[in-house]
Amino acid sequence: MLEKLSNKIGFTKTEIKIILFIISVMVIGFGYRNLVVQKNESSYKVIDYTERNDFYGQKPNKFIKSDSLKSIQEKVDYKQEVLDFNKRSFDQVQKKTLPDEKSINLNLAKLEELVKLPGIGPKTAEGILEYRTLKKKFRTVNELLNVKGIGNSKLAKIKKYIFIE
């Protein structure tokens, strides 16, 4: 019988055996699911905890149906929750005061002056000073791109505050 079927379809005997095995496993699986599993699914219980809420000091909400399978969606202000756990006072945070335009000479600036530039922290300022001592002095403002931590966008932000003499 397998030879006749393999000649008509064009599969080998082994391929037909594998296909028949897969089909039989699927039929057995669907039968098992429909007969055994669905009978056991009805045994699950939905537990109502509204009576226990009084015991724990919670008042039941009349408008919310108590169903253990539904979750209540709440809007949470996550920023406020983070601030609640942080003991630091954010009222006294000092913002960086920006220098005047064209007020910092790149070849003479000290670390304290460079840190005042927007986006420049102590490490980047140290990198600028190291590069300046290595090259003796800056010839163009675009040489800052050679300093680690300074890209095109950061250079565009600080360009109006610096000059070269």
N, C-alpha and C. Protein backbone atom coordinates (compact mmCIF):
# COMPACT_ATOMS: atom_id res chain seq x y z
N MET A 1 0.82 -1.19 0.00
CA MET A 1 0.00 0.00 0.00
C MET A 1 0.87 1.26 0.00
N LEU A 2 1.96 1.25 0.80
CA LEU A 2 2.86 2.40 0.83
C LEU A 2 3.56 2.61 -0.51
N GLU A 3 3.83 1.49 -1.24
CA GLU A 3 4.49 1.62 -2.55
C GLU A 3 3.56 2.31 -3.55
N LYS A 4 2.30 1.94 -3.56
CA LYS A 4 1.34 2.56 -4.47
C LYS A 4 1.19 4.04 -4.15
N LEU A 5 1.10 4.35 -2.85
CA LEU A 5 0.96 5.75 -2.43
C LEU A 5 2.21 6.56 -2.76
N SER A 6 3.37 5.96 -2.57
CA SER A 6 4.61 6.68 -2.88
C SER A 6 4.77 6.91 -4.37
N ASN A 7 4.29 5.99 -5.21
CA ASN A 7 4.36 6.18 -6.66
C ASN A 7 3.41 7.28 -7.12
N LYS A 8 2.24 7.38 -6.50
CA LYS A 8 1.27 8.40 -6.90
C LYS A 8 1.71 9.80 -6.44
N ILE A 9 2.18 9.91 -5.20
CA ILE A 9 2.53 11.22 -4.64
C ILE A 9 3.93 11.65 -5.05
N GLY A 10 4.85 10.72 -5.11
CA GLY A 10 6.22 11.06 -5.48
C GLY A 10 7.14 11.13 -4.27
N PHE A 11 6.67 10.66 -3.12
CA PHE A 11 7.51 10.62 -1.92
C PHE A 11 8.10 9.23 -1.76
N THR A 12 9.15 9.14 -0.99
CA THR A 12 9.73 7.83 -0.68
C THR A 12 8.92 7.19 0.43
N LYS A 13 9.16 5.89 0.69
CA LYS A 13 8.43 5.20 1.75
C LYS A 13 8.72 5.82 3.11
N THR A 14 9.96 6.21 3.33
CA THR A 14 10.33 6.81 4.62
C THR A 14 9.62 8.14 4.82
N GLU A 15 9.54 8.97 3.78
CA GLU A 15 8.85 10.26 3.89
C GLU A 15 7.37 10.07 4.19
N ILE A 16 6.74 9.09 3.57
CA ILE A 16 5.32 8.82 3.82
C ILE A 16 5.11 8.35 5.25
N LYS A 17 6.02 7.51 5.77
CA LYS A 17 5.92 7.04 7.15
C LYS A 17 6.02 8.21 8.13
N ILE A 18 6.93 9.14 7.85
CA ILE A 18 7.09 10.30 8.73
C ILE A 18 5.84 11.17 8.69
N ILE A 19 5.30 11.39 7.53
CA ILE A 19 4.09 12.21 7.40
C ILE A 19 2.92 11.55 8.12
N LEU A 20 2.76 10.24 7.97
CA LEU A 20 1.68 9.52 8.66
C LEU A 20 1.87 9.58 10.18
N PHE A 21 3.12 9.50 10.63
CA PHE A 21 3.41 9.59 12.07
C PHE A 21 3.01 10.97 12.61
N ILE A 22 3.39 12.03 11.89
CA ILE A 22 3.06 13.40 12.33
C ILE A 22 1.55 13.60 12.37
N ILE A 23 0.85 13.13 11.36
CA ILE A 23 -0.61 13.27 11.32
C ILE A 23 -1.25 12.51 12.47
N SER A 24 -0.76 11.29 12.74
CA SER A 24 -1.36 10.51 13.84
C SER A 24 -1.09 11.16 15.20
N VAL A 25 0.09 11.73 15.40
CA VAL A 25 0.39 12.42 16.66
C VAL A 25 -0.52 13.63 16.82
N MET A 26 -0.76 14.36 15.74
CA MET A 26 -1.65 15.53 15.82
C MET A 26 -3.07 15.11 16.15
N VAL A 27 -3.57 14.04 15.56
CA VAL A 27 -4.93 13.57 15.82
C VAL A 27 -5.05 13.13 17.28
N ILE A 28 -4.06 12.39 17.77
CA ILE A 28 -4.09 11.94 19.17
C ILE A 28 -4.02 13.15 20.11
N GLY A 29 -3.18 14.14 19.78
CA GLY A 29 -3.06 15.33 20.62
C GLY A 29 -4.34 16.14 20.69
N PHE A 30 -5.00 16.34 19.57
CA PHE A 30 -6.27 17.07 19.58
C PHE A 30 -7.34 16.30 20.35
N GLY A 31 -7.36 14.98 20.17
CA GLY A 31 -8.32 14.17 20.91
C GLY A 31 -8.08 14.25 22.40
N TYR A 32 -6.86 14.16 22.82
CA TYR A 32 -6.52 14.25 24.24
C TYR A 32 -6.92 15.61 24.81
N ARG A 33 -6.63 16.66 24.06
CA ARG A 33 -6.97 18.02 24.51
C ARG A 33 -8.48 18.19 24.65
N ASN A 34 -9.22 17.70 23.71
CA ASN A 34 -10.67 17.90 23.73
C ASN A 34 -11.35 17.03 24.78
N LEU A 35 -10.85 15.83 25.01
CA LEU A 35 -11.52 14.92 25.94
C LEU A 35 -11.05 15.09 27.38
N VAL A 36 -9.74 15.15 27.59
CA VAL A 36 -9.20 15.11 28.95
C VAL A 36 -8.99 16.51 29.52
N VAL A 37 -8.34 17.37 28.79
CA VAL A 37 -7.95 18.67 29.33
C VAL A 37 -9.17 19.56 29.56
N GLN A 38 -10.13 19.60 28.65
CA GLN A 38 -11.29 20.47 28.81
C GLN A 38 -12.17 20.05 29.98
N LYS A 39 -12.17 18.77 30.33
CA LYS A 39 -12.93 18.33 31.49
C LYS A 39 -12.30 18.86 32.77
N ASN A 40 -10.97 18.92 32.83
CA ASN A 40 -10.27 19.40 34.02
C ASN A 40 -10.30 20.91 34.15
N GLU A 41 -10.47 21.64 33.05
CA GLU A 41 -10.48 23.10 33.10
C GLU A 41 -11.68 23.63 33.88
N SER A 42 -12.77 22.90 33.89
CA SER A 42 -13.94 23.38 34.61
C SER A 42 -13.77 23.28 36.12
N SER A 43 -12.73 22.61 36.59
CA SER A 43 -12.53 22.45 38.02
C SER A 43 -11.83 23.66 38.65
N TYR A 44 -11.38 24.63 37.84
CA TYR A 44 -10.74 25.82 38.40
C TYR A 44 -11.79 26.69 39.09
N LYS A 45 -11.42 27.25 40.22
CA LYS A 45 -12.36 28.07 40.98
C LYS A 45 -11.91 29.53 40.96
N VAL A 46 -12.86 30.42 40.92
CA VAL A 46 -12.59 31.83 41.06
C VAL A 46 -12.86 32.18 42.52
N ILE A 47 -11.85 32.69 43.20
CA ILE A 47 -11.96 32.96 44.62
C ILE A 47 -12.27 34.43 44.82
N ASP A 48 -13.28 34.71 45.63
CA ASP A 48 -13.69 36.07 45.92
C ASP A 48 -13.19 36.45 47.31
N TYR A 49 -12.32 37.47 47.37
CA TYR A 49 -11.71 37.88 48.62
C TYR A 49 -12.36 39.11 49.26
N THR A 50 -13.51 39.52 48.78
CA THR A 50 -14.12 40.74 49.31
C THR A 50 -14.47 40.61 50.78
N GLU A 51 -14.82 39.41 51.24
CA GLU A 51 -15.14 39.24 52.66
C GLU A 51 -13.90 39.41 53.53
N ARG A 52 -12.74 39.09 53.02
CA ARG A 52 -11.51 39.18 53.78
C ARG A 52 -10.94 40.59 53.82
N ASN A 53 -11.40 41.48 52.95
CA ASN A 53 -10.88 42.84 52.91
C ASN A 53 -11.09 43.57 54.24
N ASP A 54 -12.24 43.34 54.88
CA ASP A 54 -12.50 43.98 56.16
C ASP A 54 -11.51 43.52 57.22
N PHE A 55 -11.12 42.27 57.14
CA PHE A 55 -10.17 41.72 58.10
C PHE A 55 -8.82 42.45 58.01
N TYR A 56 -8.42 42.82 56.80
CA TYR A 56 -7.14 43.50 56.59
C TYR A 56 -7.27 45.02 56.63
N GLY A 57 -8.43 45.53 56.94
CA GLY A 57 -8.62 46.97 57.06
C GLY A 57 -8.86 47.68 55.75
N GLN A 58 -9.23 46.95 54.71
CA GLN A 58 -9.51 47.57 53.43
C GLN A 58 -11.01 47.65 53.22
N LYS A 59 -11.44 48.76 52.71
CA LYS A 59 -12.86 48.93 52.43
C LYS A 59 -13.13 48.47 51.01
N PRO A 60 -14.16 47.67 50.80
CA PRO A 60 -14.45 47.23 49.43
C PRO A 60 -15.01 48.37 48.60
N ASN A 61 -14.65 48.39 47.35
CA ASN A 61 -15.13 49.39 46.41
C ASN A 61 -16.40 48.87 45.77
N LYS A 62 -17.48 49.62 45.82
CA LYS A 62 -18.76 49.18 45.30
C LYS A 62 -18.77 49.11 43.78
N PHE A 63 -17.92 49.88 43.13
CA PHE A 63 -17.95 49.97 41.69
C PHE A 63 -17.03 48.98 40.99
N ILE A 64 -16.15 48.37 41.74
CA ILE A 64 -15.22 47.41 41.15
C ILE A 64 -15.67 46.01 41.50
N LYS A 65 -15.84 45.18 40.48
CA LYS A 65 -16.20 43.79 40.73
C LYS A 65 -14.96 43.06 41.19
N SER A 66 -15.09 42.32 42.25
CA SER A 66 -13.95 41.59 42.78
C SER A 66 -13.79 40.30 41.98
N ASP A 67 -12.78 40.23 41.19
CA ASP A 67 -12.52 39.06 40.38
C ASP A 67 -11.02 38.82 40.42
N SER A 68 -10.62 37.65 40.84
CA SER A 68 -9.20 37.38 41.01
C SER A 68 -8.46 37.31 39.68
N LEU A 69 -9.18 37.23 38.57
CA LEU A 69 -8.53 37.13 37.28
C LEU A 69 -8.34 38.49 36.60
N LYS A 70 -8.97 39.57 37.13
CA LYS A 70 -8.83 40.90 36.54
C LYS A 70 -7.85 41.72 37.35
N SER A 71 -7.09 42.54 36.68
CA SER A 71 -6.19 43.43 37.40
C SER A 71 -6.71 44.85 37.30
N ILE A 72 -6.45 45.62 38.33
CA ILE A 72 -6.91 47.00 38.38
C ILE A 72 -5.80 47.88 37.83
N GLN A 73 -6.13 48.69 36.85
CA GLN A 73 -5.15 49.59 36.25
C GLN A 73 -5.11 50.88 37.06
N GLU A 74 -3.93 51.25 37.52
CA GLU A 74 -3.77 52.49 38.26
C GLU A 74 -2.75 53.35 37.54
N LYS A 75 -2.99 54.65 37.56
CA LYS A 75 -2.01 55.57 37.02
C LYS A 75 -1.06 55.93 38.14
N VAL A 76 0.23 55.71 37.90
CA VAL A 76 1.23 55.93 38.93
C VAL A 76 2.18 57.02 38.44
N ASP A 77 2.46 57.97 39.31
CA ASP A 77 3.43 59.02 39.01
C ASP A 77 4.80 58.51 39.46
N TYR A 78 5.53 57.90 38.52
CA TYR A 78 6.80 57.26 38.87
C TYR A 78 7.86 58.26 39.30
N LYS A 79 7.84 59.44 38.69
CA LYS A 79 8.83 60.45 39.09
C LYS A 79 8.63 60.84 40.55
N GLN A 80 7.39 60.99 40.95
CA GLN A 80 7.11 61.36 42.34
C GLN A 80 7.51 60.24 43.28
N GLU A 81 7.30 58.99 42.87
CA GLU A 81 7.70 57.87 43.73
C GLU A 81 9.20 57.82 43.92
N VAL A 82 9.96 58.12 42.88
CA VAL A 82 11.41 58.14 43.01
C VAL A 82 11.83 59.27 43.95
N LEU A 83 11.20 60.42 43.81
CA LEU A 83 11.52 61.54 44.69
C LEU A 83 11.15 61.24 46.13
N ASP A 84 10.09 60.46 46.35
CA ASP A 84 9.70 60.12 47.71
C ASP A 84 10.77 59.30 48.42
N PHE A 85 11.49 58.46 47.69
CA PHE A 85 12.52 57.62 48.30
C PHE A 85 13.87 58.31 48.38
N ASN A 86 14.06 59.37 47.65
CA ASN A 86 15.33 60.08 47.64
C ASN A 86 15.32 61.13 48.75
N LYS A 87 16.33 61.11 49.59
CA LYS A 87 16.38 62.03 50.73
C LYS A 87 17.04 63.36 50.36
N ARG A 88 17.60 63.44 49.18
CA ARG A 88 18.28 64.65 48.75
C ARG A 88 17.26 65.74 48.41
N SER A 89 17.55 66.96 48.76
CA SER A 89 16.66 68.06 48.46
C SER A 89 16.94 68.56 47.05
N PHE A 90 15.93 68.52 46.20
CA PHE A 90 16.10 68.94 44.83
C PHE A 90 15.82 70.43 44.64
N ASP A 91 15.41 71.10 45.69
CA ASP A 91 15.16 72.53 45.61
C ASP A 91 16.47 73.30 45.55
N GLN A 92 17.51 72.72 46.11
CA GLN A 92 18.78 73.43 46.20
C GLN A 92 19.78 73.02 45.12
N VAL A 93 19.32 72.29 44.10
CA VAL A 93 20.21 71.88 43.02
C VAL A 93 20.63 73.11 42.23
N GLN A 94 21.92 73.24 42.07
CA GLN A 94 22.43 74.41 41.35
C GLN A 94 22.58 74.06 39.88
N LYS A 95 22.05 74.92 39.04
CA LYS A 95 22.21 74.73 37.61
C LYS A 95 23.51 75.38 37.18
N LYS A 96 24.06 74.87 36.10
CA LYS A 96 25.30 75.40 35.56
C LYS A 96 25.05 76.79 35.02
N THR A 97 25.85 77.76 35.45
CA THR A 97 25.74 79.11 34.90
C THR A 97 26.61 79.17 33.66
N LEU A 98 26.01 79.53 32.57
CA LEU A 98 26.73 79.57 31.30
C LEU A 98 27.58 80.83 31.21
N PRO A 99 28.76 80.72 30.63
CA PRO A 99 29.61 81.90 30.47
C PRO A 99 29.08 82.80 29.36
N ASP A 100 29.63 84.00 29.26
CA ASP A 100 29.26 84.92 28.19
C ASP A 100 29.77 84.39 26.86
N GLU A 101 29.15 84.87 25.78
CA GLU A 101 29.60 84.45 24.46
C GLU A 101 31.01 84.94 24.19
N LYS A 102 31.80 84.07 23.57
CA LYS A 102 33.20 84.34 23.22
C LYS A 102 34.00 84.83 24.42
N SER A 103 33.80 84.20 25.58
CA SER A 103 34.47 84.66 26.79
C SER A 103 35.59 83.73 27.25
N ILE A 104 35.69 82.54 26.68
CA ILE A 104 36.71 81.59 27.13
C ILE A 104 37.73 81.38 26.02
N ASN A 105 38.97 81.78 26.31
CA ASN A 105 40.07 81.55 25.38
C ASN A 105 40.52 80.11 25.54
N LEU A 106 40.39 79.33 24.50
CA LEU A 106 40.67 77.90 24.56
C LEU A 106 42.12 77.60 24.89
N ASN A 107 43.04 78.49 24.51
CA ASN A 107 44.46 78.24 24.77
C ASN A 107 44.90 78.70 26.16
N LEU A 108 44.07 79.46 26.88
CA LEU A 108 44.44 79.94 28.21
C LEU A 108 43.49 79.46 29.31
N ALA A 109 42.40 78.81 28.95
CA ALA A 109 41.36 78.45 29.93
C ALA A 109 41.86 77.42 30.93
N LYS A 110 41.38 77.58 32.15
CA LYS A 110 41.67 76.62 33.21
C LYS A 110 40.53 75.61 33.30
N LEU A 111 40.73 74.59 34.11
CA LEU A 111 39.73 73.54 34.28
C LEU A 111 38.39 74.10 34.74
N GLU A 112 38.42 75.04 35.69
CA GLU A 112 37.18 75.60 36.24
C GLU A 112 36.38 76.33 35.18
N GLU A 113 37.06 76.98 34.25
CA GLU A 113 36.37 77.70 33.18
C GLU A 113 35.77 76.73 32.16
N LEU A 114 36.51 75.68 31.84
CA LEU A 114 36.02 74.73 30.85
C LEU A 114 34.81 73.95 31.35
N VAL A 115 34.74 73.70 32.65
CA VAL A 115 33.62 72.96 33.22
C VAL A 115 32.33 73.76 33.14
N LYS A 116 32.42 75.07 33.02
CA LYS A 116 31.23 75.92 32.91
C LYS A 116 30.55 75.78 31.55
N LEU A 117 31.25 75.24 30.56
CA LEU A 117 30.67 75.08 29.23
C LEU A 117 29.57 74.01 29.26
N PRO A 118 28.51 74.18 28.47
CA PRO A 118 27.42 73.20 28.47
C PRO A 118 27.87 71.84 27.93
N GLY A 119 27.59 70.79 28.69
CA GLY A 119 27.95 69.44 28.27
C GLY A 119 29.37 69.04 28.57
N ILE A 120 30.15 69.91 29.18
CA ILE A 120 31.54 69.60 29.49
C ILE A 120 31.65 69.35 31.00
N GLY A 121 32.06 68.15 31.34
CA GLY A 121 32.26 67.80 32.74
C GLY A 121 33.75 67.82 33.06
N PRO A 122 34.11 67.44 34.28
CA PRO A 122 35.52 67.46 34.68
C PRO A 122 36.41 66.56 33.82
N LYS A 123 35.93 65.38 33.44
CA LYS A 123 36.76 64.47 32.63
C LYS A 123 37.02 65.02 31.24
N THR A 124 35.99 65.56 30.63
CA THR A 124 36.17 66.13 29.29
C THR A 124 37.06 67.37 29.35
N ALA A 125 36.90 68.17 30.40
CA ALA A 125 37.75 69.35 30.56
C ALA A 125 39.21 68.93 30.73
N GLU A 126 39.46 67.87 31.49
CA GLU A 126 40.83 67.36 31.63
C GLU A 126 41.36 66.87 30.29
N GLY A 127 40.49 66.24 29.50
CA GLY A 127 40.90 65.79 28.16
C GLY A 127 41.28 66.96 27.27
N ILE A 128 40.55 68.07 27.38
CA ILE A 128 40.87 69.27 26.59
C ILE A 128 42.23 69.81 27.02
N LEU A 129 42.48 69.87 28.32
CA LEU A 129 43.76 70.38 28.81
C LEU A 129 44.92 69.47 28.40
N GLU A 130 44.72 68.15 28.44
CA GLU A 130 45.76 67.22 28.02
C GLU A 130 46.07 67.39 26.53
N TYR A 131 45.02 67.53 25.73
CA TYR A 131 45.23 67.71 24.29
C TYR A 131 45.96 69.02 24.02
N ARG A 132 45.61 70.07 24.78
CA ARG A 132 46.26 71.37 24.60
C ARG A 132 47.74 71.29 24.95
N THR A 133 48.10 70.61 26.03
CA THR A 133 49.51 70.49 26.39
C THR A 133 50.25 69.61 25.40
N LEU A 134 49.60 68.61 24.84
CA LEU A 134 50.22 67.73 23.86
C LEU A 134 50.52 68.48 22.55
N LYS A 135 49.60 69.30 22.10
CA LYS A 135 49.75 70.02 20.83
C LYS A 135 50.28 71.45 21.02
N LYS A 136 50.59 71.83 22.23
CA LYS A 136 51.10 73.17 22.60
C LYS A 136 50.00 74.22 22.61
N LYS A 137 49.13 74.24 21.61
CA LYS A 137 47.99 75.15 21.61
C LYS A 137 47.02 74.74 20.51
N PHE A 138 45.78 75.25 20.64
CA PHE A 138 44.77 74.99 19.62
C PHE A 138 44.96 76.00 18.50
N ARG A 139 44.88 75.53 17.26
CA ARG A 139 44.95 76.42 16.12
C ARG A 139 43.55 76.77 15.61
N THR A 140 42.61 75.80 15.71
CA THR A 140 41.21 76.04 15.32
C THR A 140 40.29 75.43 16.37
N VAL A 141 39.08 75.93 16.39
CA VAL A 141 38.10 75.42 17.34
C VAL A 141 37.73 73.97 16.99
N ASN A 142 37.77 73.63 15.72
CA ASN A 142 37.40 72.28 15.28
C ASN A 142 38.38 71.22 15.77
N GLU A 143 39.54 71.60 16.28
CA GLU A 143 40.47 70.63 16.85
C GLU A 143 39.89 69.96 18.10
N LEU A 144 38.87 70.57 18.69
CA LEU A 144 38.22 69.96 19.85
C LEU A 144 37.60 68.61 19.51
N LEU A 145 37.31 68.37 18.24
CA LEU A 145 36.75 67.09 17.83
C LEU A 145 37.73 65.95 18.08
N ASN A 146 39.01 66.26 18.22
CA ASN A 146 40.02 65.23 18.50
C ASN A 146 40.03 64.83 19.96
N VAL A 147 39.35 65.57 20.82
CA VAL A 147 39.30 65.26 22.25
C VAL A 147 38.20 64.22 22.48
N LYS A 148 38.53 63.21 23.27
CA LYS A 148 37.56 62.16 23.57
C LYS A 148 36.39 62.77 24.36
N GLY A 149 35.17 62.48 23.92
CA GLY A 149 33.98 62.98 24.60
C GLY A 149 33.37 64.19 23.92
N ILE A 150 34.01 64.68 22.87
CA ILE A 150 33.46 65.83 22.16
C ILE A 150 33.18 65.42 20.72
N GLY A 151 31.92 65.52 20.35
CA GLY A 151 31.50 65.23 18.98
C GLY A 151 30.97 66.49 18.33
N ASN A 152 30.39 66.32 17.18
CA ASN A 152 29.88 67.47 16.42
C ASN A 152 28.78 68.22 17.18
N SER A 153 27.87 67.48 17.82
CA SER A 153 26.76 68.15 18.50
C SER A 153 27.25 68.92 19.73
N LYS A 154 28.18 68.35 20.48
CA LYS A 154 28.70 69.05 21.66
C LYS A 154 29.52 70.26 21.24
N LEU A 155 30.27 70.12 20.16
CA LEU A 155 31.05 71.25 19.66
C LEU A 155 30.13 72.39 19.22
N ALA A 156 29.02 72.05 18.61
CA ALA A 156 28.06 73.08 18.18
C ALA A 156 27.48 73.82 19.38
N LYS A 157 27.30 73.13 20.51
CA LYS A 157 26.75 73.77 21.72
C LYS A 157 27.74 74.73 22.36
N ILE A 158 29.03 74.39 22.33
CA ILE A 158 30.01 75.21 23.05
C ILE A 158 30.74 76.20 22.15
N LYS A 159 30.55 76.13 20.85
CA LYS A 159 31.30 76.97 19.92
C LYS A 159 31.10 78.46 20.17
N LYS A 160 29.90 78.85 20.58
CA LYS A 160 29.65 80.28 20.74
C LYS A 160 30.26 80.85 22.01
N TYR A 161 30.74 80.01 22.91
CA TYR A 161 31.33 80.48 24.17
C TYR A 161 32.85 80.55 24.14
N ILE A 162 33.46 79.95 23.13
CA ILE A 162 34.94 79.87 23.12
C ILE A 162 35.52 80.63 21.92
N PHE A 163 36.78 81.01 22.07
CA PHE A 163 37.51 81.62 20.97
C PHE A 163 38.99 81.21 21.11
N ILE A 164 39.75 81.50 20.06
CA ILE A 164 41.18 81.17 20.06
C ILE A 164 41.97 82.42 19.72
N GLU A 165 43.03 82.67 20.50
CA GLU A 165 43.95 83.77 20.21
C GLU A 165 45.31 83.23 19.92
